[in-house]
Structure formats: structure tokens, C-alpha cells
Full PDB file with SEQRES, HELIX, SHEET, SSBOND, CRYST1, ORIGX, SCALE, CONECT and MASTER records, all heavy atoms in Angstrom:
SEQRES   1 A   39  MET ASP GLU ALA GLY ILE ALA GLN ALA ALA LEU VAL GLN          
SEQRES   2 A   39  ALA SER THR CYS TYR GLY HIS ASP ASN ARG TYR VAL ALA          
SEQRES   3 A   39  ASP SER ALA ALA ALA ARG PRO ASP ARG PHE ILE GLY VAL          
HELIX    1 AA1 SER A   15  TYR A   18  1                                   4    
HELIX    2 AA2 ARG A   23  ALA A   31  1                                   9    
SHEET    1 AA1 2 ALA A   9  LEU A  11  0                                        
SHEET    2 AA1 2 PHE A  36  GLY A  38  1                                        
CRYST1    1.000    1.000    1.000  90.00  90.00  90.00 P 1           1          
ORIGX1      1.000000  0.000000  0.000000        0.00000                         
ORIGX2      0.000000  1.000000  0.000000        0.00000                         
ORIGX3      0.000000  0.000000  1.000000        0.00000                         
SCALE1      1.000000  0.000000  0.000000        0.00000                         
SCALE2      0.000000  1.000000  0.000000        0.00000                         
SCALE3      0.000000  0.000000  1.000000        0.00000                         
ATOM      1  N   MET A   1    -246.186 140.521 -82.074  1.00  0.00           N  
ATOM      2  CA  MET A   1    -247.388 139.725 -82.288  1.00  0.00           C  
ATOM      3  C   MET A   1    -248.637 140.551 -82.038  1.00  0.00           C  
ATOM      4  O   MET A   1    -249.618 140.468 -82.794  1.00  0.00           O  
ATOM      5  CB  MET A   1    -247.366 138.499 -81.381  1.00  0.00           C  
ATOM      6  CG  MET A   1    -246.328 137.455 -81.777  1.00  0.00           C  
ATOM      7  SD  MET A   1    -246.042 136.211 -80.481  1.00  0.00           S  
ATOM      8  CE  MET A   1    -247.675 135.460 -80.329  1.00  0.00           C  
ATOM      9  N   ASP A   2    -248.621 141.332 -80.976  1.00  0.00           N  
ATOM     10  CA  ASP A   2    -249.776 142.169 -80.662  1.00  0.00           C  
ATOM     11  C   ASP A   2    -250.023 143.190 -81.774  1.00  0.00           C  
ATOM     12  O   ASP A   2    -251.171 143.423 -82.176  1.00  0.00           O  
ATOM     13  CB  ASP A   2    -249.567 142.881 -79.330  1.00  0.00           C  
ATOM     14  CG  ASP A   2    -249.653 141.935 -78.139  1.00  0.00           C  
ATOM     15  OD1 ASP A   2    -250.178 140.818 -78.302  1.00  0.00           O  
ATOM     16  OD2 ASP A   2    -249.169 142.314 -77.044  1.00  0.00           O  
ATOM     17  N   GLU A   3    -248.945 143.773 -82.283  1.00  0.00           N  
ATOM     18  CA  GLU A   3    -249.084 144.752 -83.365  1.00  0.00           C  
ATOM     19  C   GLU A   3    -249.674 144.107 -84.614  1.00  0.00           C  
ATOM     20  O   GLU A   3    -250.509 144.702 -85.318  1.00  0.00           O  
ATOM     21  CB  GLU A   3    -247.722 145.363 -83.694  1.00  0.00           C  
ATOM     22  CG  GLU A   3    -247.762 146.342 -84.857  1.00  0.00           C  
ATOM     23  CD  GLU A   3    -246.377 146.742 -85.349  1.00  0.00           C  
ATOM     24  OE1 GLU A   3    -245.382 146.111 -84.955  1.00  0.00           O  
ATOM     25  OE2 GLU A   3    -246.309 147.684 -86.168  1.00  0.00           O  
ATOM     26  N   ALA A   4    -249.248 142.869 -84.883  1.00  0.00           N  
ATOM     27  CA  ALA A   4    -249.689 142.186 -86.101  1.00  0.00           C  
ATOM     28  C   ALA A   4    -251.042 141.501 -85.951  1.00  0.00           C  
ATOM     29  O   ALA A   4    -251.647 141.106 -86.950  1.00  0.00           O  
ATOM     30  CB  ALA A   4    -248.635 141.154 -86.510  1.00  0.00           C  
ATOM     31  N   GLY A   5    -251.516 141.325 -84.719  1.00  0.00           N  
ATOM     32  CA  GLY A   5    -252.758 140.601 -84.499  1.00  0.00           C  
ATOM     33  C   GLY A   5    -252.585 139.095 -84.551  1.00  0.00           C  
ATOM     34  O   GLY A   5    -253.480 138.370 -84.993  1.00  0.00           O  
ATOM     35  N   ILE A   6    -251.429 138.621 -84.095  1.00  0.00           N  
ATOM     36  CA  ILE A   6    -251.124 137.193 -84.088  1.00  0.00           C  
ATOM     37  C   ILE A   6    -251.400 136.635 -82.699  1.00  0.00           C  
ATOM     38  O   ILE A   6    -250.879 137.131 -81.695  1.00  0.00           O  
ATOM     39  CB  ILE A   6    -249.660 136.948 -84.502  1.00  0.00           C  
ATOM     40  CG1 ILE A   6    -249.486 137.348 -85.976  1.00  0.00           C  
ATOM     41  CG2 ILE A   6    -249.243 135.502 -84.275  1.00  0.00           C  
ATOM     42  CD1 ILE A   6    -248.054 137.319 -86.458  1.00  0.00           C  
ATOM     43  N   ALA A   7    -252.229 135.617 -82.639  1.00  0.00           N  
ATOM     44  CA  ALA A   7    -252.678 135.093 -81.353  1.00  0.00           C  
ATOM     45  C   ALA A   7    -251.585 134.323 -80.627  1.00  0.00           C  
ATOM     46  O   ALA A   7    -251.357 134.518 -79.426  1.00  0.00           O  
ATOM     47  CB  ALA A   7    -253.897 134.183 -81.562  1.00  0.00           C  
ATOM     48  N   GLN A   8    -250.906 133.426 -81.330  1.00  0.00           N  
ATOM     49  CA  GLN A   8    -249.920 132.547 -80.715  1.00  0.00           C  
ATOM     50  C   GLN A   8    -248.785 132.287 -81.702  1.00  0.00           C  
ATOM     51  O   GLN A   8    -248.938 132.489 -82.910  1.00  0.00           O  
ATOM     52  CB  GLN A   8    -250.563 131.214 -80.312  1.00  0.00           C  
ATOM     53  CG  GLN A   8    -251.616 131.355 -79.217  1.00  0.00           C  
ATOM     54  CD  GLN A   8    -252.430 130.078 -79.080  1.00  0.00           C  
ATOM     55  OE1 GLN A   8    -253.229 129.753 -79.943  1.00  0.00           O  
ATOM     56  NE2 GLN A   8    -252.216 129.345 -77.991  1.00  0.00           N  
ATOM     57  N   ALA A   9    -247.663 131.811 -81.161  1.00  0.00           N  
ATOM     58  CA  ALA A   9    -246.515 131.544 -82.023  1.00  0.00           C  
ATOM     59  C   ALA A   9    -245.706 130.379 -81.486  1.00  0.00           C  
ATOM     60  O   ALA A   9    -245.666 130.131 -80.275  1.00  0.00           O  
ATOM     61  CB  ALA A   9    -245.625 132.786 -82.140  1.00  0.00           C  
ATOM     62  N   ALA A  10    -245.052 129.692 -82.403  1.00  0.00           N  
ATOM     63  CA  ALA A  10    -244.050 128.693 -82.038  1.00  0.00           C  
ATOM     64  C   ALA A  10    -242.696 129.372 -82.040  1.00  0.00           C  
ATOM     65  O   ALA A  10    -242.311 130.011 -83.030  1.00  0.00           O  
ATOM     66  CB  ALA A  10    -244.059 127.532 -83.026  1.00  0.00           C  
ATOM     67  N   LEU A  11    -241.985 129.257 -80.919  1.00  0.00           N  
ATOM     68  CA  LEU A  11    -240.618 129.742 -80.830  1.00  0.00           C  
ATOM     69  C   LEU A  11    -239.710 128.590 -81.235  1.00  0.00           C  
ATOM     70  O   LEU A  11    -239.621 127.591 -80.522  1.00  0.00           O  
ATOM     71  CB  LEU A  11    -240.300 130.208 -79.407  1.00  0.00           C  
ATOM     72  CG  LEU A  11    -241.222 131.274 -78.820  1.00  0.00           C  
ATOM     73  CD1 LEU A  11    -240.800 131.608 -77.393  1.00  0.00           C  
ATOM     74  CD2 LEU A  11    -241.248 132.527 -79.696  1.00  0.00           C  
ATOM     75  N   VAL A  12    -239.068 128.733 -82.364  1.00  0.00           N  
ATOM     76  CA  VAL A  12    -238.218 127.673 -82.905  1.00  0.00           C  
ATOM     77  C   VAL A  12    -236.766 127.983 -82.543  1.00  0.00           C  
ATOM     78  O   VAL A  12    -236.285 129.107 -82.757  1.00  0.00           O  
ATOM     79  CB  VAL A  12    -238.387 127.572 -84.431  1.00  0.00           C  
ATOM     80  CG1 VAL A  12    -237.462 126.509 -85.008  1.00  0.00           C  
ATOM     81  CG2 VAL A  12    -239.834 127.269 -84.786  1.00  0.00           C  
ATOM     82  N   GLN A  13    -236.079 127.004 -81.989  1.00  0.00           N  
ATOM     83  CA  GLN A  13    -234.703 127.196 -81.570  1.00  0.00           C  
ATOM     84  C   GLN A  13    -233.849 127.814 -82.677  1.00  0.00           C  
ATOM     85  O   GLN A  13    -233.838 127.336 -83.811  1.00  0.00           O  
ATOM     86  CB  GLN A  13    -234.096 125.858 -81.140  1.00  0.00           C  
ATOM     87  CG  GLN A  13    -232.606 125.864 -80.901  1.00  0.00           C  
ATOM     88  CD  GLN A  13    -232.194 126.631 -79.645  1.00  0.00           C  
ATOM     89  OE1 GLN A  13    -233.031 127.250 -78.991  1.00  0.00           O  
ATOM     90  NE2 GLN A  13    -230.920 126.567 -79.305  1.00  0.00           N  
ATOM     91  N   ALA A  14    -233.143 128.881 -82.325  1.00  0.00           N  
ATOM     92  CA  ALA A  14    -232.229 129.534 -83.260  1.00  0.00           C  
ATOM     93  C   ALA A  14    -230.889 128.816 -83.196  1.00  0.00           C  
ATOM     94  O   ALA A  14    -229.969 129.224 -82.478  1.00  0.00           O  
ATOM     95  CB  ALA A  14    -232.072 131.008 -82.911  1.00  0.00           C  
ATOM     96  N   SER A  15    -230.771 127.736 -83.946  1.00  0.00           N  
ATOM     97  CA  SER A  15    -229.575 126.902 -83.865  1.00  0.00           C  
ATOM     98  C   SER A  15    -228.338 127.606 -84.379  1.00  0.00           C  
ATOM     99  O   SER A  15    -227.220 127.263 -83.998  1.00  0.00           O  
ATOM    100  CB  SER A  15    -229.798 125.605 -84.646  1.00  0.00           C  
ATOM    101  OG  SER A  15    -230.854 124.866 -84.074  1.00  0.00           O  
ATOM    102  N   THR A  16    -228.517 128.606 -85.254  1.00  0.00           N  
ATOM    103  CA  THR A  16    -227.371 129.363 -85.728  1.00  0.00           C  
ATOM    104  C   THR A  16    -226.954 130.450 -84.744  1.00  0.00           C  
ATOM    105  O   THR A  16    -226.098 131.269 -85.045  1.00  0.00           O  
ATOM    106  CB  THR A  16    -227.663 130.005 -87.097  1.00  0.00           C  
ATOM    107  OG1 THR A  16    -228.820 130.836 -86.983  1.00  0.00           O  
ATOM    108  CG2 THR A  16    -227.905 128.939 -88.150  1.00  0.00           C  
ATOM    109  N   CYS A  17    -227.555 130.419 -83.573  1.00  0.00           N  
ATOM    110  CA  CYS A  17    -227.185 131.333 -82.496  1.00  0.00           C  
ATOM    111  C   CYS A  17    -226.812 130.555 -81.235  1.00  0.00           C  
ATOM    112  O   CYS A  17    -225.792 130.835 -80.607  1.00  0.00           O  
ATOM    113  CB  CYS A  17    -228.339 132.291 -82.204  1.00  0.00           C  
ATOM    114  SG  CYS A  17    -227.900 133.696 -81.153  1.00  0.00           S  
ATOM    115  N   TYR A  18    -227.629 129.553 -80.895  1.00  0.00           N  
ATOM    116  CA  TYR A  18    -227.449 128.812 -79.640  1.00  0.00           C  
ATOM    117  C   TYR A  18    -227.162 127.325 -79.816  1.00  0.00           C  
ATOM    118  O   TYR A  18    -227.082 126.611 -78.815  1.00  0.00           O  
ATOM    119  CB  TYR A  18    -228.706 128.961 -78.774  1.00  0.00           C  
ATOM    120  CG  TYR A  18    -229.013 130.376 -78.378  1.00  0.00           C  
ATOM    121  CD1 TYR A  18    -230.188 130.994 -78.801  1.00  0.00           C  
ATOM    122  CD2 TYR A  18    -228.130 131.108 -77.595  1.00  0.00           C  
ATOM    123  CE1 TYR A  18    -230.479 132.297 -78.436  1.00  0.00           C  
ATOM    124  CE2 TYR A  18    -228.413 132.425 -77.242  1.00  0.00           C  
ATOM    125  CZ  TYR A  18    -229.587 133.008 -77.668  1.00  0.00           C  
ATOM    126  OH  TYR A  18    -229.869 134.300 -77.311  1.00  0.00           O  
ATOM    127  N   GLY A  19    -227.031 126.853 -81.037  1.00  0.00           N  
ATOM    128  CA  GLY A  19    -226.813 125.421 -81.215  1.00  0.00           C  
ATOM    129  C   GLY A  19    -227.952 124.625 -80.608  1.00  0.00           C  
ATOM    130  O   GLY A  19    -229.129 124.881 -80.886  1.00  0.00           O  
ATOM    131  N   HIS A  20    -227.606 123.670 -79.738  1.00  0.00           N  
ATOM    132  CA  HIS A  20    -228.624 122.821 -79.121  1.00  0.00           C  
ATOM    133  C   HIS A  20    -228.884 123.192 -77.662  1.00  0.00           C  
ATOM    134  O   HIS A  20    -229.487 122.402 -76.928  1.00  0.00           O  
ATOM    135  CB  HIS A  20    -228.218 121.352 -79.227  1.00  0.00           C  
ATOM    136  CG  HIS A  20    -227.984 120.903 -80.632  1.00  0.00           C  
ATOM    137  ND1 HIS A  20    -228.882 121.152 -81.656  1.00  0.00           N  
ATOM    138  CD2 HIS A  20    -226.944 120.224 -81.200  1.00  0.00           C  
ATOM    139  CE1 HIS A  20    -228.398 120.652 -82.781  1.00  0.00           C  
ATOM    140  NE2 HIS A  20    -227.244 120.089 -82.535  1.00  0.00           N  
ATOM    141  N   ASP A  21    -228.459 124.390 -77.267  1.00  0.00           N  
ATOM    142  CA  ASP A  21    -228.780 124.903 -75.935  1.00  0.00           C  
ATOM    143  C   ASP A  21    -230.116 125.641 -76.048  1.00  0.00           C  
ATOM    144  O   ASP A  21    -230.182 126.799 -76.446  1.00  0.00           O  
ATOM    145  CB  ASP A  21    -227.683 125.847 -75.446  1.00  0.00           C  
ATOM    146  CG  ASP A  21    -227.987 126.437 -74.075  1.00  0.00           C  
ATOM    147  OD1 ASP A  21    -229.058 126.128 -73.498  1.00  0.00           O  
ATOM    148  OD2 ASP A  21    -227.156 127.225 -73.573  1.00  0.00           O  
ATOM    149  N   ASN A  22    -231.173 124.948 -75.683  1.00  0.00           N  
ATOM    150  CA  ASN A  22    -232.543 125.435 -75.912  1.00  0.00           C  
ATOM    151  C   ASN A  22    -233.134 126.193 -74.723  1.00  0.00           C  
ATOM    152  O   ASN A  22    -234.348 126.376 -74.664  1.00  0.00           O  
ATOM    153  CB  ASN A  22    -233.453 124.239 -76.232  1.00  0.00           C  
ATOM    154  CG  ASN A  22    -232.979 123.442 -77.426  1.00  0.00           C  
ATOM    155  OD1 ASN A  22    -233.193 123.819 -78.568  1.00  0.00           O  
ATOM    156  ND2 ASN A  22    -232.326 122.304 -77.168  1.00  0.00           N  
ATOM    157  N   ARG A  23    -232.307 126.642 -73.818  1.00  0.00           N  
ATOM    158  CA  ARG A  23    -232.849 127.193 -72.568  1.00  0.00           C  
ATOM    159  C   ARG A  23    -233.653 128.469 -72.784  1.00  0.00           C  
ATOM    160  O   ARG A  23    -234.669 128.684 -72.100  1.00  0.00           O  
ATOM    161  CB  ARG A  23    -231.711 127.453 -71.575  1.00  0.00           C  
ATOM    162  CG  ARG A  23    -231.104 126.163 -71.005  1.00  0.00           C  
ATOM    163  CD  ARG A  23    -229.956 126.462 -70.043  1.00  0.00           C  
ATOM    164  NE  ARG A  23    -228.885 127.170 -70.721  1.00  0.00           N  
ATOM    165  CZ  ARG A  23    -228.425 128.368 -70.345  1.00  0.00           C  
ATOM    166  NH1 ARG A  23    -228.965 128.991 -69.317  1.00  0.00           N  
ATOM    167  NH2 ARG A  23    -227.438 128.947 -71.003  1.00  0.00           N  
ATOM    168  N   TYR A  24    -233.257 129.321 -73.720  1.00  0.00           N  
ATOM    169  CA  TYR A  24    -234.018 130.565 -73.882  1.00  0.00           C  
ATOM    170  C   TYR A  24    -235.393 130.288 -74.479  1.00  0.00           C  
ATOM    171  O   TYR A  24    -236.385 130.896 -74.072  1.00  0.00           O  
ATOM    172  CB  TYR A  24    -233.255 131.571 -74.733  1.00  0.00           C  
ATOM    173  CG  TYR A  24    -233.892 132.950 -74.709  1.00  0.00           C  
ATOM    174  CD1 TYR A  24    -234.129 133.607 -73.497  1.00  0.00           C  
ATOM    175  CD2 TYR A  24    -234.287 133.580 -75.883  1.00  0.00           C  
ATOM    176  CE1 TYR A  24    -234.735 134.853 -73.458  1.00  0.00           C  
ATOM    177  CE2 TYR A  24    -234.885 134.842 -75.859  1.00  0.00           C  
ATOM    178  CZ  TYR A  24    -235.115 135.462 -74.644  1.00  0.00           C  
ATOM    179  OH  TYR A  24    -235.718 136.706 -74.599  1.00  0.00           O  
ATOM    180  N   VAL A  25    -235.469 129.382 -75.426  1.00  0.00           N  
ATOM    181  CA  VAL A  25    -236.774 128.976 -75.951  1.00  0.00           C  
ATOM    182  C   VAL A  25    -237.624 128.377 -74.836  1.00  0.00           C  
ATOM    183  O   VAL A  25    -238.812 128.703 -74.680  1.00  0.00           O  
ATOM    184  CB  VAL A  25    -236.606 127.974 -77.115  1.00  0.00           C  
ATOM    185  CG1 VAL A  25    -237.887 127.185 -77.344  1.00  0.00           C  
ATOM    186  CG2 VAL A  25    -236.223 128.701 -78.387  1.00  0.00           C  
ATOM    187  N   ALA A  26    -237.020 127.499 -74.039  1.00  0.00           N  
ATOM    188  CA  ALA A  26    -237.772 126.848 -72.955  1.00  0.00           C  
ATOM    189  C   ALA A  26    -238.252 127.870 -71.934  1.00  0.00           C  
ATOM    190  O   ALA A  26    -239.419 127.831 -71.504  1.00  0.00           O  
ATOM    191  CB  ALA A  26    -236.897 125.795 -72.280  1.00  0.00           C  
ATOM    192  N   ASP A  27    -237.377 128.780 -71.542  1.00  0.00           N  
ATOM    193  CA  ASP A  27    -237.755 129.783 -70.541  1.00  0.00           C  
ATOM    194  C   ASP A  27    -238.818 130.733 -71.090  1.00  0.00           C  
ATOM    195  O   ASP A  27    -239.732 131.152 -70.360  1.00  0.00           O  
ATOM    196  CB  ASP A  27    -236.524 130.571 -70.097  1.00  0.00           C  
ATOM    197  CG  ASP A  27    -235.541 129.728 -69.296  1.00  0.00           C  
ATOM    198  OD1 ASP A  27    -235.901 128.608 -68.887  1.00  0.00           O  
ATOM    199  OD2 ASP A  27    -234.395 130.184 -69.092  1.00  0.00           O  
ATOM    200  N   SER A  28    -238.709 131.078 -72.363  1.00  0.00           N  
ATOM    201  CA  SER A  28    -239.683 131.992 -72.965  1.00  0.00           C  
ATOM    202  C   SER A  28    -241.048 131.347 -73.094  1.00  0.00           C  
ATOM    203  O   SER A  28    -242.082 131.970 -72.794  1.00  0.00           O  
ATOM    204  CB  SER A  28    -239.183 132.446 -74.339  1.00  0.00           C  
ATOM    205  OG  SER A  28    -237.971 133.165 -74.230  1.00  0.00           O  
ATOM    206  N   ALA A  29    -241.075 130.084 -73.505  1.00  0.00           N  
ATOM    207  CA  ALA A  29    -242.351 129.384 -73.624  1.00  0.00           C  
ATOM    208  C   ALA A  29    -242.990 129.194 -72.256  1.00  0.00           C  
ATOM    209  O   ALA A  29    -244.218 129.311 -72.101  1.00  0.00           O  
ATOM    210  CB  ALA A  29    -242.148 128.038 -74.313  1.00  0.00           C  
ATOM    211  N   ALA A  30    -242.171 128.915 -71.245  1.00  0.00           N  
ATOM    212  CA  ALA A  30    -242.704 128.727 -69.898  1.00  0.00           C  
ATOM    213  C   ALA A  30    -243.242 130.033 -69.324  1.00  0.00           C  
ATOM    214  O   ALA A  30    -244.199 130.023 -68.536  1.00  0.00           O  
ATOM    215  CB  ALA A  30    -241.609 128.171 -68.986  1.00  0.00           C  
ATOM    216  N   ALA A  31    -242.649 131.159 -69.729  1.00  0.00           N  
ATOM    217  CA  ALA A  31    -243.085 132.453 -69.212  1.00  0.00           C  
ATOM    218  C   ALA A  31    -244.454 132.857 -69.741  1.00  0.00           C  
ATOM    219  O   ALA A  31    -245.226 133.520 -69.040  1.00  0.00           O  
ATOM    220  CB  ALA A  31    -242.056 133.533 -69.565  1.00  0.00           C  
ATOM    221  N   ARG A  32    -244.777 132.447 -70.986  1.00  0.00           N  
ATOM    222  CA  ARG A  32    -246.071 132.815 -71.576  1.00  0.00           C  
ATOM    223  C   ARG A  32    -246.674 131.632 -72.322  1.00  0.00           C  
ATOM    224  O   ARG A  32    -246.775 131.628 -73.544  1.00  0.00           O  
ATOM    225  CB  ARG A  32    -245.905 134.014 -72.526  1.00  0.00           C  
ATOM    226  CG  ARG A  32    -245.597 135.325 -71.848  1.00  0.00           C  
ATOM    227  CD  ARG A  32    -246.702 135.776 -70.882  1.00  0.00           C  
ATOM    228  NE  ARG A  32    -248.007 135.864 -71.488  1.00  0.00           N  
ATOM    229  CZ  ARG A  32    -248.508 136.983 -72.017  1.00  0.00           C  
ATOM    230  NH1 ARG A  32    -247.782 138.098 -72.024  1.00  0.00           N  
ATOM    231  NH2 ARG A  32    -249.725 136.993 -72.527  1.00  0.00           N  
ATOM    232  N   PRO A  33    -247.082 130.613 -71.603  1.00  0.00           N  
ATOM    233  CA  PRO A  33    -247.652 129.435 -72.271  1.00  0.00           C  
ATOM    234  C   PRO A  33    -248.957 129.718 -72.996  1.00  0.00           C  
ATOM    235  O   PRO A  33    -249.383 128.913 -73.837  1.00  0.00           O  
ATOM    236  CB  PRO A  33    -247.842 128.443 -71.121  1.00  0.00           C  
ATOM    237  CG  PRO A  33    -247.954 129.296 -69.895  1.00  0.00           C  
ATOM    238  CD  PRO A  33    -247.043 130.458 -70.142  1.00  0.00           C  
ATOM    239  N   ASP A  34    -249.598 130.841 -72.676  1.00  0.00           N  
ATOM    240  CA  ASP A  34    -250.815 131.218 -73.380  1.00  0.00           C  
ATOM    241  C   ASP A  34    -250.535 131.743 -74.787  1.00  0.00           C  
ATOM    242  O   ASP A  34    -251.412 131.727 -75.648  1.00  0.00           O  
ATOM    243  CB  ASP A  34    -251.578 132.278 -72.594  1.00  0.00           C  
ATOM    244  CG  ASP A  34    -250.738 133.527 -72.341  1.00  0.00           C  
ATOM    245  OD1 ASP A  34    -249.522 133.400 -72.083  1.00  0.00           O  
ATOM    246  OD2 ASP A  34    -251.298 134.643 -72.387  1.00  0.00           O  
ATOM    247  N   ARG A  35    -249.286 132.170 -75.027  1.00  0.00           N  
ATOM    248  CA  ARG A  35    -248.939 132.753 -76.324  1.00  0.00           C  
ATOM    249  C   ARG A  35    -247.911 131.944 -77.107  1.00  0.00           C  
ATOM    250  O   ARG A  35    -247.862 132.041 -78.332  1.00  0.00           O  
ATOM    251  CB  ARG A  35    -248.384 134.173 -76.133  1.00  0.00           C  
ATOM    252  CG  ARG A  35    -249.288 135.149 -75.411  1.00  0.00           C  
ATOM    253  CD  ARG A  35    -250.584 135.453 -76.135  1.00  0.00           C  
ATOM    254  NE  ARG A  35    -250.409 136.066 -77.440  1.00  0.00           N  
ATOM    255  CZ  ARG A  35    -250.196 137.373 -77.647  1.00  0.00           C  
ATOM    256  NH1 ARG A  35    -250.109 138.200 -76.613  1.00  0.00           N  
ATOM    257  NH2 ARG A  35    -250.086 137.858 -78.877  1.00  0.00           N  
ATOM    258  N   PHE A  36    -247.074 131.181 -76.383  1.00  0.00           N  
ATOM    259  CA  PHE A  36    -245.962 130.499 -77.031  1.00  0.00           C  
ATOM    260  C   PHE A  36    -245.995 128.989 -76.813  1.00  0.00           C  
ATOM    261  O   PHE A  36    -246.403 128.519 -75.747  1.00  0.00           O  
ATOM    262  CB  PHE A  36    -244.622 130.986 -76.472  1.00  0.00           C  
ATOM    263  CG  PHE A  36    -244.298 132.431 -76.707  1.00  0.00           C  
ATOM    264  CD1 PHE A  36    -243.738 133.194 -75.684  1.00  0.00           C  
ATOM    265  CD2 PHE A  36    -244.521 133.030 -77.939  1.00  0.00           C  
ATOM    266  CE1 PHE A  36    -243.406 134.525 -75.887  1.00  0.00           C  
ATOM    267  CE2 PHE A  36    -244.200 134.364 -78.151  1.00  0.00           C  
ATOM    268  CZ  PHE A  36    -243.640 135.117 -77.119  1.00  0.00           C  
ATOM    269  N   ILE A  37    -245.518 128.259 -77.816  1.00  0.00           N  
ATOM    270  CA  ILE A  37    -245.019 126.909 -77.602  1.00  0.00           C  
ATOM    271  C   ILE A  37    -243.562 126.905 -78.054  1.00  0.00           C  
ATOM    272  O   ILE A  37    -243.143 127.764 -78.842  1.00  0.00           O  
ATOM    273  CB  ILE A  37    -245.816 125.836 -78.370  1.00  0.00           C  
ATOM    274  CG1 ILE A  37    -245.760 126.090 -79.883  1.00  0.00           C  
ATOM    275  CG2 ILE A  37    -247.244 125.754 -77.878  1.00  0.00           C  
ATOM    276  CD1 ILE A  37    -246.269 124.925 -80.709  1.00  0.00           C  
ATOM    277  N   GLY A  38    -242.782 125.963 -77.548  1.00  0.00           N  
ATOM    278  CA  GLY A  38    -241.370 125.926 -77.868  1.00  0.00           C  
ATOM    279  C   GLY A  38    -240.987 124.706 -78.681  1.00  0.00           C  
ATOM    280  O   GLY A  38    -241.504 123.603 -78.461  1.00  0.00           O  
ATOM    281  N   VAL A  39    -240.063 124.913 -79.625  1.00  0.00           N  
ATOM    282  CA  VAL A  39    -239.530 123.844 -80.467  1.00  0.00           C  
ATOM    283  C   VAL A  39    -238.018 123.817 -80.276  1.00  0.00           C  
ATOM    284  O   VAL A  39    -237.333 124.794 -80.597  1.00  0.00           O  
ATOM    285  CB  VAL A  39    -239.885 124.062 -81.951  1.00  0.00           C  
ATOM    286  CG1 VAL A  39    -239.243 122.988 -82.827  1.00  0.00           C  
ATOM    287  CG2 VAL A  39    -241.398 124.084 -82.137  1.00  0.00           C  
TER     288      VAL A  39                                                      
MASTER        0    0    0    2    2    0    0    6  287    1    0    3          
END                                                                             
């Protein structure tokens, strides 16, 4: 994101990797709420 000049992003659950276990999206969004929201 920094390289591209993107201010913020939505992290969308990778269901084809984790199904409905959304913990990595949740933990990532919580770690940087200034840059991420989680879906």
C-alpha cells in the first residue's frame, strides 16, 4: 500500500483459504485500524 500510495484498505476474508475462520482478518484490522477495516 505504501509503495502504491494507497491510504487505506478493506481486508476481505479469504474464504478459499480460511473458510469462515476470520481471525487473521480481525487481528490484522485490529493491529492497524488507521489503515485497515475488516470484512
